[in-house]
Structures are given as structure tokens and as C-alpha cells.
C-alpha atoms as a PDB file:
ATOM      1  CA  UNK A   1     -47.472  75.693  55.785  1.00  0.00           C
ATOM      2  CA  UNK A   2     -48.217  72.883  57.976  1.00  0.00           C
ATOM      3  CA  UNK A   3     -50.779  71.887  54.028  1.00  0.00           C
ATOM      4  CA  UNK A   4     -48.426  72.357  51.736  1.00  0.00           C
ATOM      5  CA  UNK A   5     -45.973  70.346  53.965  1.00  0.00           C
ATOM      6  CA  UNK A   6     -49.172  67.674  53.951  1.00  0.00           C
ATOM      7  CA  UNK A   7     -49.279  68.133  50.037  1.00  0.00           C
ATOM      8  CA  UNK A   8     -45.531  67.685  49.581  1.00  0.00           C
ATOM      9  CA  UNK A   9     -45.650  64.866  52.588  1.00  0.00           C
ATOM     10  CA  UNK A  10     -48.211  63.096  50.349  1.00  0.00           C
ATOM     11  CA  UNK A  11     -46.485  63.762  47.297  1.00  0.00           C
ATOM     12  CA  UNK A  12     -43.596  62.416  48.324  1.00  0.00           C
ATOM     13  CA  UNK A  13     -45.203  59.693  49.237  1.00  0.00           C
ATOM     14  CA  UNK A  14     -47.240  58.800  46.310  1.00  0.00           C
ATOM     15  CA  UNK A  15     -44.129  58.590  43.401  1.00  0.00           C
ATOM     16  CA  UNK A  16     -42.577  55.430  46.482  1.00  0.00           C
ATOM     17  CA  UNK A  17     -45.834  53.719  45.729  1.00  0.00           C
ATOM     18  CA  UNK A  18     -45.937  54.242  42.579  1.00  0.00           C
ATOM     19  CA  UNK A  19     -41.733  53.036  42.044  1.00  0.00           C
ATOM     20  CA  UNK A  20     -42.473  50.234  44.154  1.00  0.00           C
ATOM     21  CA  UNK A  21     -45.138  49.291  41.693  1.00  0.00           C
ATOM     22  CA  UNK A  22     -42.973  49.449  39.245  1.00  0.00           C
ATOM     23  CA  UNK A  23     -40.003  47.401  40.565  1.00  0.00           C
ATOM     24  CA  UNK A  24     -42.956  44.677  41.185  1.00  0.00           C
ATOM     25  CA  UNK A  25     -43.758  44.223  38.142  1.00  0.00           C
ATOM     26  CA  UNK A  26     -40.609  44.640  36.577  1.00  0.00           C
ATOM     27  CA  UNK A  27     -39.618  41.641  39.605  1.00  0.00           C
ATOM     28  CA  UNK A  28     -42.980  39.851  37.709  1.00  0.00           C
ATOM     29  CA  UNK A  29     -41.697  40.182  34.407  1.00  0.00           C
ATOM     30  CA  UNK A  30     -38.107  38.345  35.356  1.00  0.00           C
ATOM     31  CA  UNK A  31     -39.868  35.951  36.881  1.00  0.00           C
ATOM     32  CA  UNK A  32     -42.598  35.499  33.558  1.00  0.00           C
ATOM     33  CA  UNK A  33     -39.158  35.038  31.829  1.00  0.00           C
ATOM     34  CA  UNK A  34     -37.208  32.692  34.087  1.00  0.00           C
ATOM     35  CA  UNK A  35     -39.668  29.883  33.993  1.00  0.00           C
ATOM     36  CA  UNK A  36     -40.700  30.393  30.298  1.00  0.00           C
ATOM     37  CA  UNK A  37     -37.885  28.317  29.305  1.00  0.00           C
ATOM     38  CA  UNK A  38     -38.276  26.231  31.845  1.00  0.00           C
ATOM     39  CA  UNK A  39     -42.067  25.542  30.427  1.00  0.00           C
ATOM     40  CA  UNK A  40     -40.641  25.410  27.050  1.00  0.00           C
ATOM     41  CA  UNK A  41     -38.406  22.490  28.319  1.00  0.00           C
ATOM     42  CA  UNK A  42     -41.197  20.439  30.152  1.00  0.00           C
ATOM     43  CA  UNK A  43     -42.712  19.442  26.852  1.00  0.00           C
ATOM     44  CA  UNK A  44     -39.823  18.052  25.219  1.00  0.00           C
ATOM     45  CA  UNK A  45     -38.920  14.960  27.609  1.00  0.00           C
ATOM     46  CA  UNK A  46     -40.953  13.032  26.542  1.00  0.00           C
ATOM     47  CA  UNK A  47     -39.938  13.975  23.117  1.00  0.00           C
ATOM     48  CA  UNK A  48     -36.030  13.680  24.045  1.00  0.00           C
ATOM     49  CA  UNK A  49     -37.088   9.973  25.632  1.00  0.00           C
ATOM     50  CA  UNK A  50     -38.760   8.605  22.387  1.00  0.00           C
ATOM     51  CA  UNK A  51     -35.249  10.622  20.947  1.00  0.00           C
ATOM     52  CA  UNK A  52     -33.579   7.951  22.913  1.00  0.00           C
ATOM     53  CA  UNK A  53     -36.098   4.520  22.566  1.00  0.00           C
ATOM     54  CA  UNK A  54     -36.034   5.303  18.326  1.00  0.00           C
ATOM     55  CA  UNK A  55     -32.294   4.850  19.116  1.00  0.00           C
ATOM     56  CA  UNK A  56     -32.230   2.371  20.682  1.00  0.00           C
ATOM     57  CA  UNK A  57     -34.972   0.343  17.911  1.00  0.00           C
ATOM     58  CA  UNK A  58     -33.000   1.551  15.657  1.00  0.00           C
ATOM     59  CA  UNK A  59     -29.724   0.186  17.241  1.00  0.00           C
ATOM     60  CA  UNK A  60     -30.946  -3.110  17.926  1.00  0.00           C
ATOM     61  CA  UNK A  61     -32.090  -3.784  14.319  1.00  0.00           C
ATOM     62  CA  UNK A  62     -28.948  -2.647  12.450  1.00  0.00           C
ATOM     63  CA  UNK A  63     -27.620  -4.935  14.715  1.00  0.00           C
ATOM     64  CA  UNK A  64     -29.337  -8.093  13.983  1.00  0.00           C
ATOM     65  CA  UNK A  65     -29.657  -7.321  10.290  1.00  0.00           C
ATOM     66  CA  UNK A  66     -25.951  -6.204   9.789  1.00  0.00           C
ATOM     67  CA  UNK A  67     -24.378  -9.476   8.297  1.00  0.00           C
ATOM     68  CA  UNK A  68     -27.395  -9.642   6.168  1.00  0.00           C
ATOM     69  CA  UNK A  69     -27.125  -6.457   5.067  1.00  0.00           C
ATOM     70  CA  UNK A  70     -23.054  -6.135   4.995  1.00  0.00           C
ATOM     71  CA  UNK A  71     -22.832 -10.002   3.414  1.00  0.00           C
ATOM     72  CA  UNK A  72     -23.605  -8.628   0.041  1.00  0.00           C
ATOM     73  CA  UNK A  73     -21.067  -5.819  -0.318  1.00  0.00           C
ATOM     74  CA  UNK A  74     -18.337  -8.218   1.719  1.00  0.00           C
ATOM     75  CA  UNK A  75     -18.832 -11.144  -1.246  1.00  0.00           C
ATOM     76  CA  UNK A  76     -18.497  -9.196  -3.857  1.00  0.00           C
ATOM     77  CA  UNK A  77     -15.018  -7.378  -2.427  1.00  0.00           C
ATOM     78  CA  UNK A  78     -13.385 -10.316  -1.960  1.00  0.00           C
ATOM     79  CA  UNK A  79     -14.754 -11.426  -5.876  1.00  0.00           C
ATOM     80  CA  UNK A  80     -13.508  -8.103  -6.723  1.00  0.00           C
ATOM     81  CA  UNK A  81     -10.089  -8.193  -4.947  1.00  0.00           C
ATOM     82  CA  UNK A  82      -9.603 -11.820  -6.640  1.00  0.00           C
ATOM     83  CA  UNK A  83      -9.506 -10.439  -9.988  1.00  0.00           C
ATOM     84  CA  UNK A  84      -7.151  -7.126  -8.951  1.00  0.00           C
ATOM     85  CA  UNK A  85      -4.686 -10.340  -7.386  1.00  0.00           C
ATOM     86  CA  UNK A  86      -5.139 -11.660 -10.596  1.00  0.00           C
ATOM     87  CA  UNK A  87      -3.930  -8.897 -13.151  1.00  0.00           C
ATOM     88  CA  UNK A  88      -1.485  -7.953 -10.458  1.00  0.00           C
ATOM     89  CA  UNK A  89      -0.187 -11.574 -11.301  1.00  0.00           C
ATOM     90  CA  UNK A  90      -0.351 -11.016 -15.762  1.00  0.00           C
ATOM     91  CA  UNK A  91       2.430  -8.548 -14.885  1.00  0.00           C
ATOM     92  CA  UNK A  92       4.714 -11.119 -14.895  1.00  0.00           C
ATOM     93  CA  UNK A  93       5.380 -13.641 -17.479  1.00  0.00           C
ATOM     94  CA  UNK A  94       4.121 -17.619 -16.497  1.00  0.00           C
ATOM     95  CA  UNK A  95       7.072 -18.577 -17.079  1.00  0.00           C
ATOM     96  CA  UNK A  96       7.963 -16.203 -14.178  1.00  0.00           C
ATOM     97  CA  UNK A  97       5.614 -17.269 -11.878  1.00  0.00           C
ATOM     98  CA  UNK A  98       6.327 -20.605 -11.901  1.00  0.00           C
ATOM     99  CA  UNK A  99      10.055 -20.164 -11.011  1.00  0.00           C
ATOM    100  CA  UNK A 100       8.753 -18.016  -8.047  1.00  0.00           C
ATOM    101  CA  UNK A 101       6.807 -20.274  -6.586  1.00  0.00           C
ATOM    102  CA  UNK A 102       9.929 -22.705  -6.355  1.00  0.00           C
ATOM    103  CA  UNK A 103      12.364 -20.236  -5.065  1.00  0.00           C
ATOM    104  CA  UNK A 104       9.983 -19.755  -2.647  1.00  0.00           C
ATOM    105  CA  UNK A 105       9.085 -23.678  -1.890  1.00  0.00           C
ATOM    106  CA  UNK A 106      12.358 -24.548  -1.664  1.00  0.00           C
ATOM    107  CA  UNK A 107      13.297 -22.107   1.344  1.00  0.00           C
ATOM    108  CA  UNK A 108      10.240 -22.733   3.409  1.00  0.00           C
ATOM    109  CA  UNK A 109      11.008 -26.397   3.066  1.00  0.00           C
ATOM    110  CA  UNK A 110      14.436 -25.710   4.361  1.00  0.00           C
ATOM    111  CA  UNK A 111      13.660 -22.637   7.101  1.00  0.00           C
ATOM    112  CA  UNK A 112      10.690 -25.672   8.469  1.00  0.00           C
ATOM    113  CA  UNK A 113      13.410 -27.979   8.681  1.00  0.00           C
ATOM    114  CA  UNK A 114      16.272 -26.775   9.791  1.00  0.00           C
ATOM    115  CA  UNK A 115      15.410 -23.477  11.665  1.00  0.00           C
ATOM    116  CA  UNK A 116      11.264 -24.857  12.247  1.00  0.00           C
ATOM    117  CA  UNK A 117      10.067 -22.246  11.146  1.00  0.00           C
ATOM    118  CA  UNK A 118       7.908 -20.988   7.942  1.00  0.00           C
ATOM    119  CA  UNK A 119      10.322 -18.809   5.012  1.00  0.00           C
ATOM    120  CA  UNK A 120       8.632 -15.945   6.101  1.00  0.00           C
ATOM    121  CA  UNK A 121       9.409 -14.933   9.584  1.00  0.00           C
ATOM    122  CA  UNK A 122      13.344 -15.090   8.446  1.00  0.00           C
ATOM    123  CA  UNK A 123      15.900 -12.782   9.100  1.00  0.00           C
ATOM    124  CA  UNK A 124      18.421 -11.757   6.438  1.00  0.00           C
ATOM    125  CA  UNK A 125      21.286 -13.497   8.706  1.00  0.00           C
ATOM    126  CA  UNK A 126      18.439 -16.583   7.817  1.00  0.00           C
ATOM    127  CA  UNK A 127      19.337 -16.461   4.347  1.00  0.00           C
ATOM    128  CA  UNK A 128      22.230 -15.868   4.036  1.00  0.00           C
ATOM    129  CA  UNK A 129      22.625 -19.729   6.187  1.00  0.00           C
ATOM    130  CA  UNK A 130      19.727 -20.700   3.586  1.00  0.00           C
ATOM    131  CA  UNK A 131      21.995 -19.598  -0.043  1.00  0.00           C
ATOM    132  CA  UNK A 132      24.991 -20.632   1.595  1.00  0.00           C
ATOM    133  CA  UNK A 133      24.789 -23.677   3.236  1.00  0.00           C
ATOM    134  CA  UNK A 134      21.973 -24.916   0.387  1.00  0.00           C
ATOM    135  CA  UNK A 135      20.924 -22.930  -2.401  1.00  0.00           C
ATOM    136  CA  UNK A 136      24.764 -22.829  -3.650  1.00  0.00           C
ATOM    137  CA  UNK A 137      25.938 -26.129  -2.808  1.00  0.00           C
ATOM    138  CA  UNK A 138      23.487 -28.035  -4.907  1.00  0.00           C
ATOM    139  CA  UNK A 139      22.616 -26.525  -7.276  1.00  0.00           C
ATOM    140  CA  UNK A 140      24.308 -24.966 -10.405  1.00  0.00           C
ATOM    141  CA  UNK A 141      26.014 -25.946 -14.180  1.00  0.00           C
ATOM    142  CA  UNK A 142      29.006 -23.614 -13.513  1.00  0.00           C
ATOM    143  CA  UNK A 143      32.164 -25.366 -13.479  1.00  0.00           C
ATOM    144  CA  UNK A 144      34.772 -23.886 -11.058  1.00  0.00           C
ATOM    145  CA  UNK A 145      38.810 -23.988 -10.838  1.00  0.00           C
ATOM    146  CA  UNK A 146      38.566 -27.618  -9.014  1.00  0.00           C
ATOM    147  CA  UNK A 147      35.442 -29.015 -11.202  1.00  0.00           C
ATOM    148  CA  UNK A 148      32.548 -28.655  -8.587  1.00  0.00           C
ATOM    149  CA  UNK A 149      29.414 -27.427  -9.596  1.00  0.00           C
ATOM    150  CA  UNK A 150      27.898 -24.665  -8.423  1.00  0.00           C
ATOM    151  CA  UNK A 151      25.560 -21.504  -9.539  1.00  0.00           C
ATOM    152  CA  UNK A 152      26.406 -18.381 -11.280  1.00  0.00           C
ATOM    153  CA  UNK A 153      26.230 -15.548  -9.453  1.00  0.00           C
ATOM    154  CA  UNK A 154      23.342 -13.941 -11.878  1.00  0.00           C
ATOM    155  CA  UNK A 155      21.162 -16.991 -10.744  1.00  0.00           C
ATOM    156  CA  UNK A 156      22.211 -16.004  -6.678  1.00  0.00           C
ATOM    157  CA  UNK A 157      21.102 -12.565  -7.682  1.00  0.00           C
ATOM    158  CA  UNK A 158      17.760 -14.067  -9.563  1.00  0.00           C
ATOM    159  CA  UNK A 159      16.835 -16.641  -6.233  1.00  0.00           C
ATOM    160  CA  UNK A 160      17.298 -13.330  -4.345  1.00  0.00           C
ATOM    161  CA  UNK A 161      14.860 -11.446  -6.383  1.00  0.00           C
ATOM    162  CA  UNK A 162      11.922 -13.727  -6.358  1.00  0.00           C
ATOM    163  CA  UNK A 163      12.537 -13.989  -2.853  1.00  0.00           C
ATOM    164  CA  UNK A 164      12.424 -10.421  -2.607  1.00  0.00           C
ATOM    165  CA  UNK A 165       9.405 -10.129  -4.394  1.00  0.00           C
ATOM    166  CA  UNK A 166       7.236 -13.304  -2.990  1.00  0.00           C
ATOM    167  CA  UNK A 167       8.257 -10.983   0.308  1.00  0.00           C
ATOM    168  CA  UNK A 168       6.542  -7.615  -1.308  1.00  0.00           C
ATOM    169  CA  UNK A 169       3.743  -9.675  -1.765  1.00  0.00           C
ATOM    170  CA  UNK A 170       3.588 -11.060   2.164  1.00  0.00           C
ATOM    171  CA  UNK A 171       3.253  -7.483   3.243  1.00  0.00           C
ATOM    172  CA  UNK A 172       6.807  -7.078   4.009  1.00  0.00           C
ATOM    173  CA  UNK A 173       8.356  -3.853   2.678  1.00  0.00           C
ATOM    174  CA  UNK A 174      10.580  -1.356   2.866  1.00  0.00           C
ATOM    175  CA  UNK A 175      14.734  -1.678   3.236  1.00  0.00           C
ATOM    176  CA  UNK A 176      14.969  -4.318   6.729  1.00  0.00           C
ATOM    177  CA  UNK A 177      15.325  -2.731   9.721  1.00  0.00           C
ATOM    178  CA  UNK A 178      17.383  -4.217  12.520  1.00  0.00           C
ATOM    179  CA  UNK A 179      15.725  -2.819  15.696  1.00  0.00           C
ATOM    180  CA  UNK A 180      12.364  -3.737  14.976  1.00  0.00           C
ATOM    181  CA  UNK A 181      12.430  -7.170  13.078  1.00  0.00           C
ATOM    182  CA  UNK A 182      10.703  -5.653   9.330  1.00  0.00           C
ATOM    183  CA  UNK A 183      10.171  -5.155   6.496  1.00  0.00           C
ATOM    184  CA  UNK A 184      12.334  -6.903   3.099  1.00  0.00           C
ATOM    185  CA  UNK A 185      14.966  -9.169   4.782  1.00  0.00           C
ATOM    186  CA  UNK A 186      16.196  -9.239   0.653  1.00  0.00           C
ATOM    187  CA  UNK A 187      16.245  -5.397   0.965  1.00  0.00           C
ATOM    188  CA  UNK A 188      19.304  -4.755   3.461  1.00  0.00           C
ATOM    189  CA  UNK A 189      22.610  -4.922   3.514  1.00  0.00           C
ATOM    190  CA  UNK A 190      23.408  -8.530   4.449  1.00  0.00           C
ATOM    191  CA  UNK A 191      22.355  -9.361   0.752  1.00  0.00           C
ATOM    192  CA  UNK A 192      23.589  -6.918  -0.931  1.00  0.00           C
ATOM    193  CA  UNK A 193      27.357  -7.852   0.406  1.00  0.00           C
ATOM    194  CA  UNK A 194      26.992 -10.903   0.534  1.00  0.00           C
ATOM    195  CA  UNK A 195      26.059 -11.064  -3.217  1.00  0.00           C
ATOM    196  CA  UNK A 196      29.059  -9.272  -4.024  1.00  0.00           C
ATOM    197  CA  UNK A 197      30.747 -11.330  -2.011  1.00  0.00           C
ATOM    198  CA  UNK A 198      29.523 -15.053  -3.867  1.00  0.00           C
ATOM    199  CA  UNK A 199      30.593 -13.109  -7.088  1.00  0.00           C
ATOM    200  CA  UNK A 200      34.525 -12.154  -6.418  1.00  0.00           C
ATOM    201  CA  UNK A 201      34.583 -15.108  -4.808  1.00  0.00           C
ATOM    202  CA  UNK A 202      33.593 -16.803  -7.336  1.00  0.00           C
ATOM    203  CA  UNK A 203      35.967 -14.670  -9.982  1.00  0.00           C
ATOM    204  CA  UNK A 204      38.562 -15.843  -8.134  1.00  0.00           C
ATOM    205  CA  UNK A 205      38.146 -19.919  -8.019  1.00  0.00           C
ATOM    206  CA  UNK A 206      38.581 -19.219 -11.694  1.00  0.00           C
ATOM    207  CA  UNK A 207      34.687 -18.804 -12.410  1.00  0.00           C
ATOM    208  CA  UNK A 208      34.120 -17.071 -16.433  1.00  0.00           C
ATOM    209  CA  UNK A 209      30.294 -15.756 -17.283  1.00  0.00           C
ATOM    210  CA  UNK A 210      29.922 -17.940 -20.370  1.00  0.00           C
ATOM    211  CA  UNK A 211      27.600 -15.036 -22.490  1.00  0.00           C
ATOM    212  CA  UNK A 212      23.899 -15.228 -23.398  1.00  0.00           C
ATOM    213  CA  UNK A 213      23.713 -17.731 -26.568  1.00  0.00           C
ATOM    214  CA  UNK A 214      23.646 -15.120 -29.822  1.00  0.00           C
ATOM    215  CA  UNK A 215      21.202 -15.640 -32.333  1.00  0.00           C
ATOM    216  CA  UNK A 216      20.813 -17.375 -34.978  1.00  0.00           C
ATOM    217  CA  UNK A 217      21.363 -16.400 -38.656  1.00  0.00           C
ATOM    218  CA  UNK A 218      17.490 -15.832 -39.777  1.00  0.00           C
ATOM    219  CA  UNK A 219      16.276 -14.421 -36.324  1.00  0.00           C
ATOM    220  CA  UNK A 220      18.276 -11.572 -37.587  1.00  0.00           C
ATOM    221  CA  UNK A 221      17.532 -11.518 -40.491  1.00  0.00           C
ATOM    222  CA  UNK A 222      13.621 -11.051 -39.252  1.00  0.00           C
ATOM    223  CA  UNK A 223      14.283  -8.411 -37.432  1.00  0.00           C
ATOM    224  CA  UNK A 224      15.977  -6.746 -39.930  1.00  0.00           C
ATOM    225  CA  UNK A 225      13.774  -6.660 -41.623  1.00  0.00           C
ATOM    226  CA  UNK A 226      11.141  -5.515 -38.934  1.00  0.00           C
ATOM    227  CA  UNK A 227      12.938  -2.960 -38.051  1.00  0.00           C
ATOM    228  CA  UNK A 228      14.052  -1.352 -42.223  1.00  0.00           C
ATOM    229  CA  UNK A 229       9.270  -1.583 -42.070  1.00  0.00           C
ATOM    230  CA  UNK A 230       9.214   0.328 -38.923  1.00  0.00           C
ATOM    231  CA  UNK A 231      12.202   3.115 -40.393  1.00  0.00           C
ATOM    232  CA  UNK A 232      10.464   3.432 -43.722  1.00  0.00           C
ATOM    233  CA  UNK A 233       6.730   3.888 -42.209  1.00  0.00           C
ATOM    234  CA  UNK A 234       8.086   6.595 -40.089  1.00  0.00           C
ATOM    235  CA  UNK A 235      10.506   8.523 -42.528  1.00  0.00           C
ATOM    236  CA  UNK A 236       7.065   8.867 -44.731  1.00  0.00           C
ATOM    237  CA  UNK A 237       5.617  10.991 -42.337  1.00  0.00           C
ATOM    238  CA  UNK A 238       5.357  14.692 -42.717  1.00  0.00           C
ATOM    239  CA  UNK A 239       8.062  16.515 -39.668  1.00  0.00           C
ATOM    240  CA  UNK A 240       5.232  17.164 -37.824  1.00  0.00           C
ATOM    241  CA  UNK A 241       4.015  13.681 -37.340  1.00  0.00           C
ATOM    242  CA  UNK A 242       7.642  12.807 -36.719  1.00  0.00           C
ATOM    243  CA  UNK A 243       7.800  14.907 -33.915  1.00  0.00           C
ATOM    244  CA  UNK A 244       4.465  13.442 -32.142  1.00  0.00           C
ATOM    245  CA  UNK A 245       5.533   9.441 -32.690  1.00  0.00           C
ATOM    246  CA  UNK A 246       7.191   7.798 -29.059  1.00  0.00           C
ATOM    247  CA  UNK A 247      10.529   8.295 -29.382  1.00  0.00           C
ATOM    248  CA  UNK A 248      11.298   4.662 -29.543  1.00  0.00           C
ATOM    249  CA  UNK A 249      10.897   5.334 -33.443  1.00  0.00           C
ATOM    250  CA  UNK A 250      14.294   7.166 -33.216  1.00  0.00           C
ATOM    251  CA  UNK A 251      15.460   4.441 -31.272  1.00  0.00           C
ATOM    252  CA  UNK A 252      14.192   1.553 -33.938  1.00  0.00           C
ATOM    253  CA  UNK A 253      16.622   3.657 -36.063  1.00  0.00           C
ATOM    254  CA  UNK A 254      19.358   3.800 -34.588  1.00  0.00           C
ATOM    255  CA  UNK A 255      18.852   0.287 -33.804  1.00  0.00           C
ATOM    256  CA  UNK A 256      18.737  -0.016 -37.479  1.00  0.00           C
ATOM    257  CA  UNK A 257      21.641   1.453 -39.020  1.00  0.00           C
ATOM    258  CA  UNK A 258      23.533   0.038 -36.504  1.00  0.00           C
ATOM    259  CA  UNK A 259      22.412  -3.541 -37.259  1.00  0.00           C
ATOM    260  CA  UNK A 260      22.714  -3.016 -41.022  1.00  0.00           C
ATOM    261  CA  UNK A 261      26.465  -1.895 -40.602  1.00  0.00           C
END
């Protein structure tokens, strides 16, 4: 019995020793796993330093050469922008541009003398003062009942339209906002009501709007002949092609019929 007990005790001791060995092996493996990332990171540290030095060198090179590299594209951009603005200016006739320039120069001169600021900083109230005190009193070919010369309502509306376009060209776009003081001062309730009130005042003063200059008989005959040629060419087309023609051809036919009648 004693021998059996000793053998059992020795077997248990052997088993416990094996378990301890297995646990030690597991601990060694875990230590190796923990050390392996550190070993991998150690050679990466010099590489990171090299990348940082490379980025520093690149930034210093780019800052020193940015002026020379970006100068040529900037010149091309500005040259293209100038050509684009020249094309945009062709949207209006030369005479219209000249009238707009003249209207703006007159407003700018008045604003600098009377208000001490350029025309670009004018508010709707400033424009009303300009129209009432200067524009409507120093020009005009229409005679009122008292014999005074004053501009027609259409002339005032045209001047406001020219100024409005110039404000838009300068970046003042959208309706005028009284709270922020931004937008187009010509696109405001003040200017709209002033134009309507001026037209009513002119009627009360005996202003009679004059009709446009009638077309001469020779130009009327040329117009009828041109419309007749286009009408004949349109009528000779098949029905399918007539439907594909622009809508203004039919309008020309109607105008031709009205003029001939």
C-alpha cells in the first residue's frame, strides 16, 4: 500500500511538473509575441525620421520655387480673364456701353463732391437724392406745363437701369438689404417707387409722352420685301420641314401679313 501511495504521489508530481512546463512555455511565447512588435518598430523609427526630413526638404523647396512655378499659370489666368471680360462687353452695343460709362461717371462725380464717397458706396437714399437734386434738374428735352425742361420718365428709368448694371458688374448683386446694407441699391423699393412717382408727377405737370420716330416709307418697303422673301422660302418647304423651322419664322409670316394688310 505504501508503494502504491508513493507511485501515485510521484505520478501527481510528474503531472504537475508537466503542467508547470507547459505554462512556462506559454509565458515564453507570449513574451516573444509582445517583443516582436517592438522589434518591428525599432527599424521603422529611422525611416520615419527620413520621411520627416524629406517632407521638410520638399516644403522648403516648394516655398522657394512656388513663385516661379505659379507665376506663369497666374499670368495665363489673368490674360484669359481679360479676354473673357472683353467678350462679355460685346453683350451690349458700343453706344450702350458709352451711355452707361457716362451715367456712372456723373454719379461718381456728384457722390464724391456732395457725399465725400465714391458711387460704389451709394445707398438707395443717396441715389434718390442724386436723381431728384441733380439728374432731373440739369437735363431733359421734355417741356412741362410751366415751360421747364426735364427728362422724360423713360430717361430716368434708363439711367437707373444703366446704374443698376454697373453696380452688378462691381459685385453688388441681388435685392438691396436694408439690414446689412448689401446688394444692388437700384434693386430696391425706394428706386422703384421713385420711378413710378416721377412718372405720375410728370403727368400732373402736363408732360405728354412723345412717340418714337416713325419709319420712313423706303425702309418700310425694304422690310416688307425681306419678309416676303422669307415667307416665300418658308412656304416652299415640305410640311415636315416647316414644323422643324424656328418659331420666329411663323412670327415673321404673321408680321408680313399685318404689314401687307
